[in-house]
Amino acid sequence: MGINSERDVEANLQIGPTDQGMVRIFVESHGTEIPMDFTPEEADEIAAEIIAAAKAASRRG
């Protein structure tokens, strides 16, 4: 599976700060939970990548 492979899977996504000063991205699908913690700096980098991908997708669409 790659980034361009489509799948018919539903998942819940939550993003927020933890009480430890981290940013958590929490994904849940079909009983599987994936918590991913990032430093604020890492979260800023991820946010910049998402924005860049959204801009690239907009240009294609």
PDB file of N, CA and C in Angstrom:
ATOM      1  N   MET A   1       0.848  -1.179   0.000  1.00  0.00           N
ATOM      2  CA  MET A   1       0.000   0.000   0.000  1.00  0.00           C
ATOM      3  C   MET A   1       0.892   1.241   0.000  1.00  0.00           C
ATOM      4  N   GLY A   2       0.511   2.173  -0.792  1.00  0.00           N
ATOM      5  CA  GLY A   2       1.240   3.428  -0.843  1.00  0.00           C
ATOM      6  C   GLY A   2       0.303   4.597  -0.628  1.00  0.00           C
ATOM      7  N   ILE A   3       0.842   5.774  -0.701  1.00  0.00           N
ATOM      8  CA  ILE A   3       0.072   6.988  -0.466  1.00  0.00           C
ATOM      9  C   ILE A   3      -1.051   7.150  -1.489  1.00  0.00           C
ATOM     10  N   ASN A   4      -0.881   6.597  -2.696  1.00  0.00           N
ATOM     11  CA  ASN A   4      -1.893   6.739  -3.743  1.00  0.00           C
ATOM     12  C   ASN A   4      -2.852   5.556  -3.837  1.00  0.00           C
ATOM     13  N   SER A   5      -2.706   4.571  -2.970  1.00  0.00           N
ATOM     14  CA  SER A   5      -3.606   3.423  -2.969  1.00  0.00           C
ATOM     15  C   SER A   5      -4.848   3.753  -2.143  1.00  0.00           C
ATOM     16  N   GLU A   6      -6.018   3.648  -2.765  1.00  0.00           N
ATOM     17  CA  GLU A   6      -7.259   3.949  -2.061  1.00  0.00           C
ATOM     18  C   GLU A   6      -7.706   2.751  -1.238  1.00  0.00           C
ATOM     19  N   ARG A   7      -8.297   3.040  -0.080  1.00  0.00           N
ATOM     20  CA  ARG A   7      -8.836   2.003   0.803  1.00  0.00           C
ATOM     21  C   ARG A   7     -10.180   2.498   1.315  1.00  0.00           C
ATOM     22  N   ASP A   8     -11.085   1.583   1.534  1.00  0.00           N
ATOM     23  CA  ASP A   8     -12.388   1.926   2.088  1.00  0.00           C
ATOM     24  C   ASP A   8     -12.385   1.586   3.578  1.00  0.00           C
ATOM     25  N   VAL A   9     -11.683   2.409   4.360  1.00  0.00           N
ATOM     26  CA  VAL A   9     -11.549   2.189   5.796  1.00  0.00           C
ATOM     27  C   VAL A   9     -11.938   3.473   6.515  1.00  0.00           C
ATOM     28  N   GLU A  10     -12.765   3.334   7.534  1.00  0.00           N
ATOM     29  CA  GLU A  10     -13.134   4.488   8.341  1.00  0.00           C
ATOM     30  C   GLU A  10     -12.252   4.538   9.583  1.00  0.00           C
ATOM     31  N   ALA A  11     -11.891   5.758   9.981  1.00  0.00           N
ATOM     32  CA  ALA A  11     -11.076   5.931  11.179  1.00  0.00           C
ATOM     33  C   ALA A  11     -11.447   7.248  11.845  1.00  0.00           C
ATOM     34  N   ASN A  12     -11.261   7.301  13.132  1.00  0.00           N
ATOM     35  CA  ASN A  12     -11.453   8.531  13.895  1.00  0.00           C
ATOM     36  C   ASN A  12     -10.086   9.136  14.167  1.00  0.00           C
ATOM     37  N   LEU A  13      -9.985  10.453  14.026  1.00  0.00           N
ATOM     38  CA  LEU A  13      -8.729  11.157  14.233  1.00  0.00           C
ATOM     39  C   LEU A  13      -8.956  12.254  15.261  1.00  0.00           C
ATOM     40  N   GLN A  14      -8.109  12.279  16.287  1.00  0.00           N
ATOM     41  CA  GLN A  14      -8.140  13.337  17.293  1.00  0.00           C
ATOM     42  C   GLN A  14      -6.740  13.914  17.410  1.00  0.00           C
ATOM     43  N   ILE A  15      -6.656  15.221  17.568  1.00  0.00           N
ATOM     44  CA  ILE A  15      -5.362  15.891  17.732  1.00  0.00           C
ATOM     45  C   ILE A  15      -5.496  16.872  18.883  1.00  0.00           C
ATOM     46  N   GLY A  16      -4.534  16.835  19.799  1.00  0.00           N
ATOM     47  CA  GLY A  16      -4.586  17.776  20.912  1.00  0.00           C
ATOM     48  C   GLY A  16      -3.338  17.695  21.779  1.00  0.00           C
ATOM     49  N   PRO A  17      -3.230  18.627  22.718  1.00  0.00           N
ATOM     50  CA  PRO A  17      -2.082  18.633  23.624  1.00  0.00           C
ATOM     51  C   PRO A  17      -2.269  17.620  24.751  1.00  0.00           C
ATOM     52  N   THR A  18      -1.152  17.074  25.216  1.00  0.00           N
ATOM     53  CA  THR A  18      -1.197  16.179  26.368  1.00  0.00           C
ATOM     54  C   THR A  18      -0.807  16.970  27.614  1.00  0.00           C
ATOM     55  N   ASP A  19      -1.021  16.366  28.766  1.00  0.00           N
ATOM     56  CA  ASP A  19      -0.632  17.036  30.011  1.00  0.00           C
ATOM     57  C   ASP A  19       0.878  17.001  30.236  1.00  0.00           C
ATOM     58  N   GLN A  20       1.604  16.341  29.327  1.00  0.00           N
ATOM     59  CA  GLN A  20       3.060  16.268  29.404  1.00  0.00           C
ATOM     60  C   GLN A  20       3.737  17.253  28.448  1.00  0.00           C
ATOM     61  N   GLY A  21       2.947  18.136  27.811  1.00  0.00           N
ATOM     62  CA  GLY A  21       3.521  19.131  26.910  1.00  0.00           C
ATOM     63  C   GLY A  21       3.813  18.607  25.509  1.00  0.00           C
ATOM     64  N   MET A  22       3.207  17.490  25.161  1.00  0.00           N
ATOM     65  CA  MET A  22       3.379  16.919  23.825  1.00  0.00           C
ATOM     66  C   MET A  22       2.108  17.175  23.017  1.00  0.00           C
ATOM     67  N   VAL A  23       2.205  16.962  21.717  1.00  0.00           N
ATOM     68  CA  VAL A  23       1.030  17.010  20.851  1.00  0.00           C
ATOM     69  C   VAL A  23       0.727  15.572  20.456  1.00  0.00           C
ATOM     70  N   ARG A  24      -0.503  15.139  20.694  1.00  0.00           N
ATOM     71  CA  ARG A  24      -0.870  13.763  20.390  1.00  0.00           C
ATOM     72  C   ARG A  24      -1.795  13.728  19.176  1.00  0.00           C
ATOM     73  N   ILE A  25      -1.443  12.861  18.227  1.00  0.00           N
ATOM     74  CA  ILE A  25      -2.334  12.497  17.138  1.00  0.00           C
ATOM     75  C   ILE A  25      -2.811  11.094  17.480  1.00  0.00           C
ATOM     76  N   PHE A  26      -4.127  10.963  17.616  1.00  0.00           N
ATOM     77  CA  PHE A  26      -4.709   9.698  18.065  1.00  0.00           C
ATOM     78  C   PHE A  26      -5.625   9.186  16.967  1.00  0.00           C
ATOM     79  N   VAL A  27      -5.337   7.989  16.459  1.00  0.00           N
ATOM     80  CA  VAL A  27      -6.126   7.372  15.393  1.00  0.00           C
ATOM     81  C   VAL A  27      -6.759   6.101  15.951  1.00  0.00           C
ATOM     82  N   GLU A  28      -8.058   5.939  15.691  1.00  0.00           N
ATOM     83  CA  GLU A  28      -8.761   4.732  16.127  1.00  0.00           C
ATOM     84  C   GLU A  28      -9.568   4.209  14.955  1.00  0.00           C
ATOM     85  N   SER A  29      -9.433   2.893  14.705  1.00  0.00           N
ATOM     86  CA  SER A  29     -10.191   2.262  13.628  1.00  0.00           C
ATOM     87  C   SER A  29     -10.432   0.797  13.962  1.00  0.00           C
ATOM     88  N   HIS A  30     -11.690   0.405  13.966  1.00  0.00           N
ATOM     89  CA  HIS A  30     -12.067  -0.990  14.182  1.00  0.00           C
ATOM     90  C   HIS A  30     -11.419  -1.586  15.432  1.00  0.00           C
ATOM     91  N   GLY A  31     -11.414  -0.819  16.523  1.00  0.00           N
ATOM     92  CA  GLY A  31     -10.891  -1.310  17.790  1.00  0.00           C
ATOM     93  C   GLY A  31      -9.390  -1.176  17.967  1.00  0.00           C
ATOM     94  N   THR A  32      -8.688  -0.726  16.940  1.00  0.00           N
ATOM     95  CA  THR A  32      -7.249  -0.509  17.051  1.00  0.00           C
ATOM     96  C   THR A  32      -6.997   0.969  17.330  1.00  0.00           C
ATOM     97  N   GLU A  33      -6.224   1.247  18.362  1.00  0.00           N
ATOM     98  CA  GLU A  33      -5.904   2.630  18.737  1.00  0.00           C
ATOM     99  C   GLU A  33      -4.424   2.887  18.525  1.00  0.00           C
ATOM    100  N   ILE A  34      -4.111   4.016  17.894  1.00  0.00           N
ATOM    101  CA  ILE A  34      -2.714   4.384  17.652  1.00  0.00           C
ATOM    102  C   ILE A  34      -2.481   5.794  18.180  1.00  0.00           C
ATOM    103  N   PRO A  35      -1.884   5.922  19.376  1.00  0.00           N
ATOM    104  CA  PRO A  35      -1.522   7.239  19.882  1.00  0.00           C
ATOM    105  C   PRO A  35      -0.093   7.577  19.447  1.00  0.00           C
ATOM    106  N   MET A  36       0.082   8.751  18.864  1.00  0.00           N
ATOM    107  CA  MET A  36       1.415   9.185  18.431  1.00  0.00           C
ATOM    108  C   MET A  36       1.703  10.534  19.076  1.00  0.00           C
ATOM    109  N   ASP A  37       2.757  10.612  19.871  1.00  0.00           N
ATOM    110  CA  ASP A  37       3.125  11.843  20.559  1.00  0.00           C
ATOM    111  C   ASP A  37       4.303  12.514  19.877  1.00  0.00           C
ATOM    112  N   PHE A  38       4.223  13.841  19.770  1.00  0.00           N
ATOM    113  CA  PHE A  38       5.260  14.640  19.115  1.00  0.00           C
ATOM    114  C   PHE A  38       5.575  15.857  19.964  1.00  0.00           C
ATOM    115  N   THR A  39       6.816  16.302  19.883  1.00  0.00           N
ATOM    116  CA  THR A  39       7.155  17.569  20.524  1.00  0.00           C
ATOM    117  C   THR A  39       6.436  18.682  19.765  1.00  0.00           C
ATOM    118  N   PRO A  40       6.265  19.847  20.377  1.00  0.00           N
ATOM    119  CA  PRO A  40       5.641  20.949  19.647  1.00  0.00           C
ATOM    120  C   PRO A  40       6.383  21.290  18.353  1.00  0.00           C
ATOM    121  N   GLU A  41       7.699  21.188  18.359  1.00  0.00           N
ATOM    122  CA  GLU A  41       8.483  21.474  17.155  1.00  0.00           C
ATOM    123  C   GLU A  41       8.194  20.450  16.057  1.00  0.00           C
ATOM    124  N   GLU A  42       8.121  19.177  16.437  1.00  0.00           N
ATOM    125  CA  GLU A  42       7.785  18.142  15.461  1.00  0.00           C
ATOM    126  C   GLU A  42       6.379  18.349  14.912  1.00  0.00           C
ATOM    127  N   ALA A  43       5.448  18.730  15.790  1.00  0.00           N
ATOM    128  CA  ALA A  43       4.069  18.977  15.364  1.00  0.00           C
ATOM    129  C   ALA A  43       4.009  20.134  14.373  1.00  0.00           C
ATOM    130  N   ASP A  44       4.822  21.174  14.596  1.00  0.00           N
ATOM    131  CA  ASP A  44       4.885  22.294  13.642  1.00  0.00           C
ATOM    132  C   ASP A  44       5.364  21.812  12.279  1.00  0.00           C
ATOM    133  N   GLU A  45       6.359  20.924  12.266  1.00  0.00           N
ATOM    134  CA  GLU A  45       6.861  20.380  11.002  1.00  0.00           C
ATOM    135  C   GLU A  45       5.785  19.547  10.295  1.00  0.00           C
ATOM    136  N   ILE A  46       5.049  18.752  11.054  1.00  0.00           N
ATOM    137  CA  ILE A  46       3.972  17.944  10.482  1.00  0.00           C
ATOM    138  C   ILE A  46       2.894  18.856   9.907  1.00  0.00           C
ATOM    139  N   ALA A  47       2.539  19.903  10.649  1.00  0.00           N
ATOM    140  CA  ALA A  47       1.525  20.842  10.176  1.00  0.00           C
ATOM    141  C   ALA A  47       1.966  21.501   8.872  1.00  0.00           C
ATOM    142  N   ALA A  48       3.236  21.864   8.764  1.00  0.00           N
ATOM    143  CA  ALA A  48       3.752  22.484   7.538  1.00  0.00           C
ATOM    144  C   ALA A  48       3.680  21.495   6.374  1.00  0.00           C
ATOM    145  N   GLU A  49       3.957  20.214   6.635  1.00  0.00           N
ATOM    146  CA  GLU A  49       3.858  19.197   5.585  1.00  0.00           C
ATOM    147  C   GLU A  49       2.413  19.011   5.131  1.00  0.00           C
ATOM    148  N   ILE A  50       1.476  19.049   6.067  1.00  0.00           N
ATOM    149  CA  ILE A  50       0.064  18.919   5.708  1.00  0.00           C
ATOM    150  C   ILE A  50      -0.384  20.106   4.866  1.00  0.00           C
ATOM    151  N   ILE A  51       0.020  21.304   5.247  1.00  0.00           N
ATOM    152  CA  ILE A  51      -0.333  22.502   4.481  1.00  0.00           C
ATOM    153  C   ILE A  51       0.254  22.438   3.071  1.00  0.00           C
ATOM    154  N   ALA A  52       1.508  22.015   2.963  1.00  0.00           N
ATOM    155  CA  ALA A  52       2.134  21.904   1.649  1.00  0.00           C
ATOM    156  C   ALA A  52       1.423  20.870   0.779  1.00  0.00           C
ATOM    157  N   ALA A  53       1.026  19.746   1.369  1.00  0.00           N
ATOM    158  CA  ALA A  53       0.316  18.718   0.621  1.00  0.00           C
ATOM    159  C   ALA A  53      -1.059  19.220   0.183  1.00  0.00           C
ATOM    160  N   ALA A  54      -1.735  19.966   1.044  1.00  0.00           N
ATOM    161  CA  ALA A  54      -3.049  20.503   0.699  1.00  0.00           C
ATOM    162  C   ALA A  54      -2.931  21.490  -0.469  1.00  0.00           C
ATOM    163  N   LYS A  55      -1.898  22.312  -0.450  1.00  0.00           N
ATOM    164  CA  LYS A  55      -1.690  23.264  -1.556  1.00  0.00           C
ATOM    165  C   LYS A  55      -1.386  22.522  -2.863  1.00  0.00           C
ATOM    166  N   ALA A  56      -0.564  21.478  -2.786  1.00  0.00           N
ATOM    167  CA  ALA A  56      -0.240  20.700  -3.978  1.00  0.00           C
ATOM    168  C   ALA A  56      -1.484  19.999  -4.520  1.00  0.00           C
ATOM    169  N   ALA A  57      -2.302  19.459  -3.631  1.00  0.00           N
ATOM    170  CA  ALA A  57      -3.534  18.780  -4.052  1.00  0.00           C
ATOM    171  C   ALA A  57      -4.504  19.775  -4.680  1.00  0.00           C
ATOM    172  N   SER A  58      -4.566  20.977  -4.155  1.00  0.00           N
ATOM    173  CA  SER A  58      -5.445  22.003  -4.710  1.00  0.00           C
ATOM    174  C   SER A  58      -5.039  22.372  -6.134  1.00  0.00           C
ATOM    175  N   ARG A  59      -3.750  22.410  -6.371  1.00  0.00           N
ATOM    176  CA  ARG A  59      -3.256  22.740  -7.719  1.00  0.00           C
ATOM    177  C   ARG A  59      -3.620  21.649  -8.720  1.00  0.00           C
ATOM    178  N   ARG A  60      -3.690  20.398  -8.272  1.00  0.00           N
ATOM    179  CA  ARG A  60      -4.018  19.276  -9.147  1.00  0.00           C
ATOM    180  C   ARG A  60      -5.520  19.161  -9.381  1.00  0.00           C
ATOM    181  N   GLY A  61      -6.301  19.581  -8.379  1.00  0.00           N
ATOM    182  CA  GLY A  61      -7.730  19.348  -8.405  1.00  0.00           C
ATOM    183  C   GLY A  61      -8.512  20.293  -9.223  1.00  0.00           C
TER     184      GLY A  61
END
